[in-house]
Amino acid sequence: MSLRLRDGMIRGVEAYAYNIENGELVKQKMKKDAYFTEKEKDYFTIKFTLPSVKECAIIEYE
C-alpha cells in the first residue's frame, strides 16, 4: 500500500491484517521494517507491506 502526503512527514506506520484461518479471526501486526518513506518534489509517499494479507482480509492502518 502507499499513502501520498503533500505536507509533513509520518514518523511511523502501524498496520494489521485480519484473516480468517480455520474458522478463527487472526490478527497479524506489520513488522516495523515493512515501511519506508520517499520524497517526490512536494510530496511524501509512505509505502508499506503486509505479507500476511489473504483474499477477503481486512486491513487496518494508522
N, C-alpha and C. Protein backbone atom coordinates (compact mmCIF):
# COMPACT_ATOMS: atom_id res chain seq x y z
N MET A 1 0.84 -1.16 0.00
CA MET A 1 0.00 0.00 0.00
C MET A 1 0.89 1.22 0.00
N SER A 2 0.31 2.32 -0.44
CA SER A 2 1.05 3.57 -0.37
C SER A 2 0.10 4.72 -0.05
N LEU A 3 0.61 5.70 0.66
CA LEU A 3 -0.12 6.91 1.02
C LEU A 3 0.69 8.09 0.53
N ARG A 4 0.03 9.08 -0.04
CA ARG A 4 0.73 10.25 -0.54
C ARG A 4 0.30 11.47 0.25
N LEU A 5 1.27 12.23 0.75
CA LEU A 5 1.00 13.41 1.57
C LEU A 5 1.65 14.63 0.95
N ARG A 6 0.97 15.73 1.04
CA ARG A 6 1.53 16.97 0.49
C ARG A 6 2.48 17.64 1.48
N ASP A 7 2.10 17.72 2.74
CA ASP A 7 2.91 18.38 3.75
C ASP A 7 3.22 17.43 4.89
N GLY A 8 4.32 17.69 5.55
CA GLY A 8 4.66 16.90 6.73
C GLY A 8 5.25 15.56 6.39
N MET A 9 5.51 14.84 7.44
CA MET A 9 6.11 13.53 7.26
C MET A 9 5.63 12.61 8.37
N ILE A 10 5.32 11.40 8.02
CA ILE A 10 4.88 10.42 9.00
C ILE A 10 6.13 9.76 9.59
N ARG A 11 6.17 9.66 10.89
CA ARG A 11 7.33 9.07 11.55
C ARG A 11 7.17 7.57 11.77
N GLY A 12 5.99 7.06 11.57
CA GLY A 12 5.77 5.64 11.75
C GLY A 12 4.41 5.22 11.24
N VAL A 13 4.28 3.97 10.95
CA VAL A 13 3.02 3.39 10.48
C VAL A 13 2.77 2.13 11.29
N GLU A 14 1.54 1.98 11.75
CA GLU A 14 1.12 0.73 12.38
C GLU A 14 0.04 0.14 11.50
N ALA A 15 0.15 -1.13 11.20
CA ALA A 15 -0.84 -1.77 10.35
C ALA A 15 -1.08 -3.21 10.81
N TYR A 16 -2.31 -3.66 10.57
CA TYR A 16 -2.72 -5.01 10.94
C TYR A 16 -3.49 -5.62 9.78
N ALA A 17 -3.37 -6.91 9.64
CA ALA A 17 -4.18 -7.68 8.69
C ALA A 17 -5.01 -8.66 9.51
N TYR A 18 -6.29 -8.71 9.22
CA TYR A 18 -7.20 -9.64 9.88
C TYR A 18 -7.63 -10.68 8.85
N ASN A 19 -7.35 -11.93 9.13
CA ASN A 19 -7.69 -13.03 8.23
C ASN A 19 -8.49 -14.08 9.00
N ILE A 20 -9.29 -14.82 8.25
CA ILE A 20 -9.99 -15.97 8.83
C ILE A 20 -9.16 -17.21 8.49
N GLU A 21 -8.71 -17.91 9.52
CA GLU A 21 -7.93 -19.13 9.34
C GLU A 21 -8.55 -20.22 10.21
N ASN A 22 -8.95 -21.31 9.58
CA ASN A 22 -9.59 -22.43 10.27
C ASN A 22 -10.79 -21.96 11.10
N GLY A 23 -11.56 -21.02 10.55
CA GLY A 23 -12.76 -20.54 11.22
C GLY A 23 -12.51 -19.53 12.33
N GLU A 24 -11.28 -19.14 12.55
CA GLU A 24 -10.91 -18.19 13.61
C GLU A 24 -10.38 -16.89 13.00
N LEU A 25 -10.68 -15.77 13.64
CA LEU A 25 -10.14 -14.49 13.23
C LEU A 25 -8.72 -14.34 13.77
N VAL A 26 -7.77 -14.10 12.86
CA VAL A 26 -6.36 -13.99 13.24
C VAL A 26 -5.89 -12.57 12.91
N LYS A 27 -5.34 -11.87 13.92
CA LYS A 27 -4.82 -10.51 13.76
C LYS A 27 -3.31 -10.59 13.67
N GLN A 28 -2.74 -10.04 12.58
CA GLN A 28 -1.29 -10.07 12.39
C GLN A 28 -0.77 -8.65 12.21
N LYS A 29 0.22 -8.28 13.04
CA LYS A 29 0.78 -6.94 13.02
C LYS A 29 1.89 -6.84 11.98
N MET A 30 1.96 -5.69 11.32
CA MET A 30 3.02 -5.42 10.37
C MET A 30 4.35 -5.30 11.10
N LYS A 31 5.41 -5.82 10.51
CA LYS A 31 6.74 -5.68 11.09
C LYS A 31 7.20 -4.22 10.96
N LYS A 32 7.98 -3.77 11.91
CA LYS A 32 8.43 -2.37 11.94
C LYS A 32 9.29 -1.99 10.73
N ASP A 33 9.96 -2.94 10.12
CA ASP A 33 10.81 -2.63 8.97
C ASP A 33 10.08 -2.80 7.64
N ALA A 34 8.77 -2.91 7.66
CA ALA A 34 8.00 -3.15 6.44
C ALA A 34 7.46 -1.87 5.80
N TYR A 35 7.96 -0.71 6.21
CA TYR A 35 7.54 0.53 5.56
C TYR A 35 8.73 1.45 5.33
N PHE A 36 8.57 2.34 4.35
CA PHE A 36 9.60 3.34 4.09
C PHE A 36 8.96 4.57 3.48
N THR A 37 9.67 5.68 3.51
CA THR A 37 9.18 6.97 3.03
C THR A 37 10.05 7.44 1.87
N GLU A 38 9.40 7.99 0.84
CA GLU A 38 10.10 8.56 -0.30
C GLU A 38 9.68 10.02 -0.46
N LYS A 39 10.59 10.88 -0.86
CA LYS A 39 10.28 12.29 -1.12
C LYS A 39 10.25 12.49 -2.62
N GLU A 40 9.14 13.05 -3.13
CA GLU A 40 8.97 13.32 -4.55
C GLU A 40 8.51 14.77 -4.70
N LYS A 41 9.38 15.65 -5.12
CA LYS A 41 9.07 17.07 -5.27
C LYS A 41 8.39 17.61 -4.02
N ASP A 42 7.09 17.92 -4.09
CA ASP A 42 6.36 18.49 -2.96
C ASP A 42 5.61 17.44 -2.15
N TYR A 43 5.81 16.17 -2.43
CA TYR A 43 5.04 15.12 -1.78
C TYR A 43 5.94 14.13 -1.05
N PHE A 44 5.37 13.51 -0.05
CA PHE A 44 5.99 12.37 0.61
C PHE A 44 5.12 11.16 0.30
N THR A 45 5.72 10.05 -0.04
CA THR A 45 4.98 8.82 -0.26
C THR A 45 5.44 7.80 0.78
N ILE A 46 4.48 7.29 1.52
CA ILE A 46 4.76 6.26 2.52
C ILE A 46 4.30 4.94 1.93
N LYS A 47 5.18 3.97 1.86
CA LYS A 47 4.84 2.65 1.31
C LYS A 47 5.06 1.61 2.39
N PHE A 48 4.12 0.65 2.44
CA PHE A 48 4.28 -0.43 3.41
C PHE A 48 3.65 -1.71 2.88
N THR A 49 4.10 -2.82 3.44
CA THR A 49 3.61 -4.12 3.01
C THR A 49 3.07 -4.91 4.19
N LEU A 50 2.10 -5.72 3.89
CA LEU A 50 1.54 -6.67 4.86
C LEU A 50 1.55 -8.03 4.19
N PRO A 51 2.61 -8.79 4.34
CA PRO A 51 2.71 -10.06 3.63
C PRO A 51 1.67 -11.10 4.06
N SER A 52 1.02 -10.88 5.18
CA SER A 52 0.04 -11.86 5.66
C SER A 52 -1.36 -11.65 5.08
N VAL A 53 -1.51 -10.68 4.18
CA VAL A 53 -2.84 -10.40 3.60
C VAL A 53 -3.24 -11.54 2.67
N LYS A 54 -4.46 -12.01 2.88
CA LYS A 54 -5.04 -13.06 2.04
C LYS A 54 -6.33 -12.54 1.45
N GLU A 55 -6.93 -13.29 0.54
CA GLU A 55 -8.19 -12.90 -0.06
C GLU A 55 -9.24 -12.66 1.04
N CYS A 56 -9.97 -11.57 0.94
CA CYS A 56 -11.03 -11.16 1.88
C CYS A 56 -10.48 -10.67 3.22
N ALA A 57 -9.20 -10.36 3.30
CA ALA A 57 -8.62 -9.84 4.55
C ALA A 57 -9.10 -8.43 4.80
N ILE A 58 -9.10 -8.04 6.05
CA ILE A 58 -9.39 -6.67 6.45
C ILE A 58 -8.05 -6.04 6.84
N ILE A 59 -7.79 -4.84 6.31
CA ILE A 59 -6.53 -4.14 6.59
C ILE A 59 -6.84 -2.91 7.41
N GLU A 60 -6.09 -2.71 8.50
CA GLU A 60 -6.25 -1.55 9.36
C GLU A 60 -4.89 -0.89 9.48
N TYR A 61 -4.84 0.43 9.26
CA TYR A 61 -3.56 1.12 9.42
C TYR A 61 -3.78 2.51 9.99
N GLU A 62 -2.74 3.00 10.67
CA GLU A 62 -2.76 4.35 11.22
C GLU A 62 -1.36 4.90 11.27
